[in-house]
Amino acid sequence: MLTNELQLKDNVTIVSPLDNCDHNVLMWEIECTPSTVLNKKSYLCFNQADYDGMRNFVRNRLSSFDYNAMSASTMWDNFNDVMQDAIKYYVPCRTNRTNAKKPLWMTGKVLRSVRKKHRLWEK
């Protein structure tokens, strides 16, 4: 038995096969602590963004740079920083639903269409 994650408490014991199987049973104890991981991912809602505000913000921030004295990588870094700031300020975020039984993209209209497809398929 090869492992790199489990902390074995005791040695592995080999037990006789069950019923008429020719495979031996391996038994061991491990130490583990249960932990709950909260799945709170945040998603950007680009369909609710303030694009006019973003345009003005980007235009004002990019006009203050002197591009003649910059290399291409420096220009890219500045542009990327400005765009990330614009997204942070003008695009709202929402956390994912913990008890979701359907994907985030499945709106009510899509769900009705899927149900209609299933009803027609059954007919």
N, C-alpha and C. Protein backbone atom coordinates (compact mmCIF):
# COMPACT_ATOMS: atom_id res chain seq x y z
N MET A 1 0.85 -1.16 0.00
CA MET A 1 0.00 0.00 0.00
C MET A 1 0.90 1.23 0.00
N LEU A 2 0.68 2.13 -0.95
CA LEU A 2 1.45 3.35 -1.06
C LEU A 2 0.53 4.53 -0.79
N THR A 3 0.98 5.48 0.03
CA THR A 3 0.18 6.66 0.32
C THR A 3 1.10 7.81 0.68
N ASN A 4 0.61 9.02 0.46
CA ASN A 4 1.39 10.18 0.88
C ASN A 4 0.55 11.15 1.71
N GLU A 5 -0.72 10.83 1.98
CA GLU A 5 -1.58 11.74 2.70
C GLU A 5 -2.08 11.21 4.03
N LEU A 6 -2.22 9.93 4.17
CA LEU A 6 -2.82 9.37 5.36
C LEU A 6 -1.79 9.13 6.45
N GLN A 7 -2.13 9.48 7.66
CA GLN A 7 -1.26 9.21 8.80
C GLN A 7 -1.71 7.90 9.43
N LEU A 8 -0.92 6.86 9.25
CA LEU A 8 -1.27 5.54 9.77
C LEU A 8 -0.99 5.47 11.26
N LYS A 9 -1.99 5.00 12.04
CA LYS A 9 -1.79 4.83 13.47
C LYS A 9 -1.11 3.51 13.78
N ASP A 10 -1.56 2.47 13.16
CA ASP A 10 -1.02 1.13 13.41
C ASP A 10 -0.49 0.55 12.11
N ASN A 11 0.09 -0.57 12.24
CA ASN A 11 0.55 -1.27 11.05
C ASN A 11 -0.64 -1.82 10.27
N VAL A 12 -0.41 -2.08 9.04
CA VAL A 12 -1.44 -2.68 8.19
C VAL A 12 -1.53 -4.16 8.52
N THR A 13 -2.75 -4.65 8.74
CA THR A 13 -2.93 -6.07 9.00
C THR A 13 -3.62 -6.71 7.81
N ILE A 14 -3.22 -7.91 7.52
CA ILE A 14 -3.80 -8.66 6.41
C ILE A 14 -4.77 -9.68 7.01
N VAL A 15 -6.01 -9.61 6.56
CA VAL A 15 -7.06 -10.49 7.07
C VAL A 15 -7.39 -11.49 5.96
N SER A 16 -7.88 -12.61 6.35
CA SER A 16 -8.21 -13.65 5.36
C SER A 16 -9.31 -13.17 4.42
N PRO A 17 -9.38 -13.77 3.28
CA PRO A 17 -10.37 -13.36 2.27
C PRO A 17 -11.81 -13.57 2.75
N LEU A 18 -12.70 -12.75 2.22
CA LEU A 18 -14.11 -12.89 2.50
C LEU A 18 -14.74 -13.90 1.55
N ASP A 19 -15.61 -14.75 2.08
CA ASP A 19 -16.36 -15.74 1.32
C ASP A 19 -15.40 -16.58 0.46
N ASN A 20 -15.64 -16.67 -0.82
CA ASN A 20 -14.78 -17.50 -1.65
C ASN A 20 -13.91 -16.65 -2.59
N CYS A 21 -13.63 -15.43 -2.18
CA CYS A 21 -12.77 -14.52 -2.96
C CYS A 21 -11.30 -14.90 -2.73
N ASP A 22 -10.47 -14.68 -3.72
CA ASP A 22 -9.05 -15.00 -3.56
C ASP A 22 -8.21 -13.79 -3.18
N HIS A 23 -8.83 -12.63 -2.90
CA HIS A 23 -8.12 -11.42 -2.50
C HIS A 23 -8.13 -11.28 -0.98
N ASN A 24 -7.02 -10.90 -0.42
CA ASN A 24 -6.94 -10.65 1.01
C ASN A 24 -7.52 -9.27 1.33
N VAL A 25 -7.96 -9.10 2.57
CA VAL A 25 -8.50 -7.84 3.03
C VAL A 25 -7.42 -7.13 3.83
N LEU A 26 -7.20 -5.86 3.54
CA LEU A 26 -6.24 -5.05 4.28
C LEU A 26 -7.00 -4.16 5.26
N MET A 27 -6.51 -4.09 6.49
CA MET A 27 -7.15 -3.25 7.50
C MET A 27 -6.09 -2.38 8.16
N TRP A 28 -6.43 -1.09 8.37
CA TRP A 28 -5.54 -0.18 9.08
C TRP A 28 -6.37 0.94 9.69
N GLU A 29 -5.79 1.66 10.60
CA GLU A 29 -6.45 2.81 11.23
C GLU A 29 -5.69 4.07 10.83
N ILE A 30 -6.46 5.12 10.64
CA ILE A 30 -5.85 6.40 10.30
C ILE A 30 -6.35 7.46 11.27
N GLU A 31 -5.56 8.48 11.44
CA GLU A 31 -5.97 9.63 12.24
C GLU A 31 -6.41 10.72 11.28
N CYS A 32 -7.62 11.17 11.47
CA CYS A 32 -8.10 12.26 10.64
C CYS A 32 -9.02 13.14 11.46
N THR A 33 -9.04 14.39 11.14
CA THR A 33 -9.94 15.32 11.81
C THR A 33 -10.90 15.86 10.76
N PRO A 34 -12.18 15.80 11.05
CA PRO A 34 -13.13 16.32 10.07
C PRO A 34 -13.07 17.84 10.03
N SER A 35 -13.15 18.36 8.86
CA SER A 35 -13.17 19.81 8.69
C SER A 35 -14.15 20.15 7.58
N THR A 36 -14.86 21.20 7.79
CA THR A 36 -15.80 21.66 6.77
C THR A 36 -15.17 22.80 6.01
N VAL A 37 -15.28 22.73 4.72
CA VAL A 37 -14.74 23.77 3.84
C VAL A 37 -15.92 24.55 3.30
N LEU A 38 -15.93 25.84 3.60
CA LEU A 38 -16.99 26.68 3.09
C LEU A 38 -16.68 27.06 1.65
N ASN A 39 -17.60 26.77 0.78
CA ASN A 39 -17.42 27.03 -0.64
C ASN A 39 -18.05 28.37 -0.95
N LYS A 40 -17.37 29.44 -0.62
CA LYS A 40 -17.89 30.78 -0.84
C LYS A 40 -17.09 31.47 -1.94
N LYS A 41 -17.23 31.02 -3.14
CA LYS A 41 -16.57 31.66 -4.26
C LYS A 41 -17.37 32.90 -4.65
N SER A 42 -16.67 33.91 -5.08
CA SER A 42 -17.36 35.11 -5.55
C SER A 42 -17.28 35.15 -7.08
N TYR A 43 -18.35 35.58 -7.67
CA TYR A 43 -18.45 35.66 -9.12
C TYR A 43 -18.72 37.10 -9.51
N LEU A 44 -18.12 37.53 -10.60
CA LEU A 44 -18.34 38.87 -11.11
C LEU A 44 -19.58 38.88 -11.99
N CYS A 45 -20.44 39.84 -11.77
CA CYS A 45 -21.68 39.98 -12.56
C CYS A 45 -21.45 41.04 -13.63
N PHE A 46 -20.89 40.64 -14.75
CA PHE A 46 -20.57 41.59 -15.81
C PHE A 46 -21.83 42.13 -16.47
N ASN A 47 -22.94 41.42 -16.37
CA ASN A 47 -24.18 41.93 -16.98
C ASN A 47 -24.77 43.07 -16.17
N GLN A 48 -24.31 43.29 -14.94
CA GLN A 48 -24.81 44.38 -14.10
C GLN A 48 -23.75 45.47 -13.90
N ALA A 49 -22.70 45.45 -14.70
CA ALA A 49 -21.59 46.40 -14.53
C ALA A 49 -21.97 47.78 -15.03
N ASP A 50 -21.32 48.79 -14.50
CA ASP A 50 -21.48 50.18 -14.93
C ASP A 50 -20.39 50.46 -15.96
N TYR A 51 -20.70 50.19 -17.23
CA TYR A 51 -19.69 50.30 -18.27
C TYR A 51 -19.36 51.76 -18.62
N ASP A 52 -20.30 52.67 -18.48
CA ASP A 52 -19.99 54.09 -18.72
C ASP A 52 -19.00 54.59 -17.67
N GLY A 53 -19.21 54.24 -16.43
CA GLY A 53 -18.27 54.61 -15.37
C GLY A 53 -16.91 53.98 -15.59
N MET A 54 -16.90 52.72 -16.05
CA MET A 54 -15.62 52.04 -16.33
C MET A 54 -14.86 52.76 -17.44
N ARG A 55 -15.56 53.13 -18.49
CA ARG A 55 -14.89 53.82 -19.61
C ARG A 55 -14.25 55.12 -19.14
N ASN A 56 -15.00 55.92 -18.36
CA ASN A 56 -14.46 57.18 -17.87
C ASN A 56 -13.28 56.94 -16.93
N PHE A 57 -13.38 55.95 -16.07
CA PHE A 57 -12.30 55.63 -15.14
C PHE A 57 -11.04 55.23 -15.89
N VAL A 58 -11.17 54.34 -16.87
CA VAL A 58 -10.02 53.86 -17.63
C VAL A 58 -9.43 55.00 -18.45
N ARG A 59 -10.27 55.81 -19.08
CA ARG A 59 -9.79 56.93 -19.89
C ARG A 59 -8.99 57.91 -19.03
N ASN A 60 -9.50 58.23 -17.84
CA ASN A 60 -8.80 59.18 -16.97
C ASN A 60 -7.48 58.60 -16.45
N ARG A 61 -7.48 57.35 -16.08
CA ARG A 61 -6.26 56.74 -15.52
C ARG A 61 -5.20 56.53 -16.60
N LEU A 62 -5.60 56.12 -17.81
CA LEU A 62 -4.62 55.87 -18.87
C LEU A 62 -4.05 57.14 -19.47
N SER A 63 -4.78 58.26 -19.37
CA SER A 63 -4.28 59.51 -19.93
C SER A 63 -3.14 60.10 -19.09
N SER A 64 -2.97 59.64 -17.86
CA SER A 64 -1.93 60.20 -16.99
C SER A 64 -0.57 59.55 -17.19
N PHE A 65 -0.47 58.50 -18.00
CA PHE A 65 0.80 57.80 -18.21
C PHE A 65 1.55 58.39 -19.40
N ASP A 66 2.88 58.38 -19.32
CA ASP A 66 3.75 58.79 -20.42
C ASP A 66 4.25 57.52 -21.11
N TYR A 67 3.63 57.17 -22.21
CA TYR A 67 3.93 55.89 -22.87
C TYR A 67 5.24 55.91 -23.64
N ASN A 68 5.78 57.06 -23.96
CA ASN A 68 7.03 57.12 -24.72
C ASN A 68 8.21 56.63 -23.89
N ALA A 69 8.15 56.78 -22.59
CA ALA A 69 9.27 56.40 -21.74
C ALA A 69 9.13 54.97 -21.19
N MET A 70 8.07 54.26 -21.58
CA MET A 70 7.80 52.92 -21.01
C MET A 70 8.14 51.83 -22.00
N SER A 71 8.52 50.68 -21.46
CA SER A 71 8.69 49.49 -22.30
C SER A 71 7.32 48.83 -22.48
N ALA A 72 7.26 47.85 -23.36
CA ALA A 72 5.99 47.17 -23.63
C ALA A 72 5.47 46.44 -22.40
N SER A 73 6.37 45.80 -21.65
CA SER A 73 5.92 45.07 -20.46
C SER A 73 5.42 46.03 -19.38
N THR A 74 6.05 47.18 -19.24
CA THR A 74 5.58 48.17 -18.26
C THR A 74 4.23 48.72 -18.67
N MET A 75 4.06 48.99 -19.97
CA MET A 75 2.75 49.46 -20.45
C MET A 75 1.67 48.42 -20.17
N TRP A 76 2.00 47.15 -20.42
CA TRP A 76 1.02 46.09 -20.17
C TRP A 76 0.68 46.00 -18.68
N ASP A 77 1.69 46.09 -17.81
CA ASP A 77 1.45 46.04 -16.37
C ASP A 77 0.55 47.19 -15.92
N ASN A 78 0.81 48.39 -16.42
CA ASN A 78 -0.03 49.55 -16.07
C ASN A 78 -1.45 49.37 -16.57
N PHE A 79 -1.59 48.92 -17.81
CA PHE A 79 -2.92 48.70 -18.37
C PHE A 79 -3.68 47.63 -17.58
N ASN A 80 -2.99 46.55 -17.23
CA ASN A 80 -3.62 45.47 -16.48
C ASN A 80 -4.06 45.97 -15.10
N ASP A 81 -3.22 46.75 -14.43
CA ASP A 81 -3.58 47.29 -13.12
C ASP A 81 -4.82 48.18 -13.21
N VAL A 82 -4.85 49.04 -14.23
CA VAL A 82 -6.00 49.93 -14.41
C VAL A 82 -7.27 49.12 -14.67
N MET A 83 -7.19 48.10 -15.51
CA MET A 83 -8.38 47.29 -15.81
C MET A 83 -8.84 46.51 -14.58
N GLN A 84 -7.91 45.98 -13.79
CA GLN A 84 -8.29 45.25 -12.58
C GLN A 84 -8.97 46.19 -11.58
N ASP A 85 -8.46 47.42 -11.45
CA ASP A 85 -9.10 48.40 -10.57
C ASP A 85 -10.49 48.75 -11.07
N ALA A 86 -10.63 48.92 -12.39
CA ALA A 86 -11.94 49.24 -12.95
C ALA A 86 -12.94 48.11 -12.69
N ILE A 87 -12.49 46.88 -12.83
CA ILE A 87 -13.38 45.75 -12.55
C ILE A 87 -13.76 45.72 -11.08
N LYS A 88 -12.79 46.00 -10.22
CA LYS A 88 -13.05 45.96 -8.78
C LYS A 88 -14.07 47.03 -8.37
N TYR A 89 -14.00 48.22 -8.99
CA TYR A 89 -14.88 49.31 -8.60
C TYR A 89 -16.23 49.30 -9.30
N TYR A 90 -16.32 48.80 -10.52
CA TYR A 90 -17.53 48.98 -11.32
C TYR A 90 -18.28 47.69 -11.66
N VAL A 91 -17.74 46.53 -11.31
CA VAL A 91 -18.43 45.27 -11.58
C VAL A 91 -18.83 44.65 -10.25
N PRO A 92 -20.12 44.47 -10.00
CA PRO A 92 -20.54 43.90 -8.72
C PRO A 92 -20.19 42.42 -8.62
N CYS A 93 -19.98 41.96 -7.39
CA CYS A 93 -19.66 40.56 -7.12
C CYS A 93 -20.83 39.93 -6.38
N ARG A 94 -20.94 38.63 -6.51
CA ARG A 94 -21.88 37.88 -5.67
C ARG A 94 -21.24 36.54 -5.35
N THR A 95 -21.59 36.02 -4.20
CA THR A 95 -21.06 34.72 -3.80
C THR A 95 -21.97 33.64 -4.33
N ASN A 96 -21.38 32.46 -4.51
CA ASN A 96 -22.20 31.38 -5.08
C ASN A 96 -23.15 30.84 -4.03
N ARG A 97 -24.16 30.21 -4.51
CA ARG A 97 -25.16 29.63 -3.63
C ARG A 97 -24.64 28.31 -3.10
N THR A 98 -24.80 28.09 -1.80
CA THR A 98 -24.28 26.87 -1.20
C THR A 98 -25.18 25.67 -1.46
N ASN A 99 -26.48 25.87 -1.55
CA ASN A 99 -27.41 24.76 -1.73
C ASN A 99 -27.93 24.70 -3.17
N ALA A 100 -27.10 25.07 -4.11
CA ALA A 100 -27.54 25.10 -5.50
C ALA A 100 -27.69 23.70 -6.05
N LYS A 101 -28.84 23.45 -6.66
CA LYS A 101 -29.07 22.16 -7.29
C LYS A 101 -29.01 22.28 -8.81
N LYS A 102 -28.75 23.46 -9.29
CA LYS A 102 -28.62 23.69 -10.72
C LYS A 102 -27.46 24.64 -10.95
N PRO A 103 -26.91 24.68 -12.14
CA PRO A 103 -25.78 25.57 -12.42
C PRO A 103 -26.18 27.03 -12.32
N LEU A 104 -25.20 27.91 -12.13
CA LEU A 104 -25.47 29.34 -11.98
C LEU A 104 -26.08 29.95 -13.24
N TRP A 105 -25.75 29.41 -14.41
CA TRP A 105 -26.24 30.00 -15.65
C TRP A 105 -27.68 29.60 -15.93
N MET A 106 -28.21 28.63 -15.21
CA MET A 106 -29.56 28.14 -15.50
C MET A 106 -30.60 29.04 -14.85
N THR A 107 -31.09 29.98 -15.62
CA THR A 107 -32.11 30.90 -15.14
C THR A 107 -33.47 30.23 -15.23
N GLY A 108 -34.50 30.94 -14.80
CA GLY A 108 -35.85 30.39 -14.86
C GLY A 108 -36.29 30.07 -16.27
N LYS A 109 -35.93 30.94 -17.21
CA LYS A 109 -36.32 30.73 -18.61
C LYS A 109 -35.64 29.48 -19.18
N VAL A 110 -34.36 29.30 -18.88
CA VAL A 110 -33.63 28.12 -19.36
C VAL A 110 -34.20 26.86 -18.72
N LEU A 111 -34.53 26.92 -17.43
CA LEU A 111 -35.07 25.77 -16.74
C LEU A 111 -36.43 25.36 -17.32
N ARG A 112 -37.25 26.35 -17.66
CA ARG A 112 -38.55 26.03 -18.29
C ARG A 112 -38.34 25.37 -19.64
N SER A 113 -37.36 25.85 -20.40
CA SER A 113 -37.08 25.26 -21.71
C SER A 113 -36.59 23.82 -21.57
N VAL A 114 -35.77 23.56 -20.57
CA VAL A 114 -35.27 22.19 -20.36
C VAL A 114 -36.43 21.27 -19.97
N ARG A 115 -37.30 21.75 -19.09
CA ARG A 115 -38.46 20.92 -18.70
C ARG A 115 -39.36 20.65 -19.89
N LYS A 116 -39.55 21.65 -20.74
CA LYS A 116 -40.37 21.47 -21.94
C LYS A 116 -39.74 20.44 -22.86
N LYS A 117 -38.41 20.50 -23.00
CA LYS A 117 -37.71 19.52 -23.83
C LYS A 117 -37.91 18.11 -23.29
N HIS A 118 -37.82 17.94 -21.95
CA HIS A 118 -38.00 16.62 -21.36
C HIS A 118 -39.42 16.11 -21.55
N ARG A 119 -40.41 16.99 -21.42
CA ARG A 119 -41.81 16.57 -21.63
C ARG A 119 -42.03 16.12 -23.07
N LEU A 120 -41.48 16.90 -24.01
CA LEU A 120 -41.65 16.52 -25.42
C LEU A 120 -40.88 15.23 -25.74
N TRP A 121 -39.75 15.01 -25.11
CA TRP A 121 -38.99 13.79 -25.34
C TRP A 121 -39.75 12.59 -24.84
N GLU A 122 -40.44 12.74 -23.69
CA GLU A 122 -41.22 11.62 -23.16
C GLU A 122 -42.40 11.27 -24.05
N LYS A 123 -42.99 12.28 -24.70
CA LYS A 123 -44.10 12.01 -25.63
C LYS A 123 -43.62 11.21 -26.82
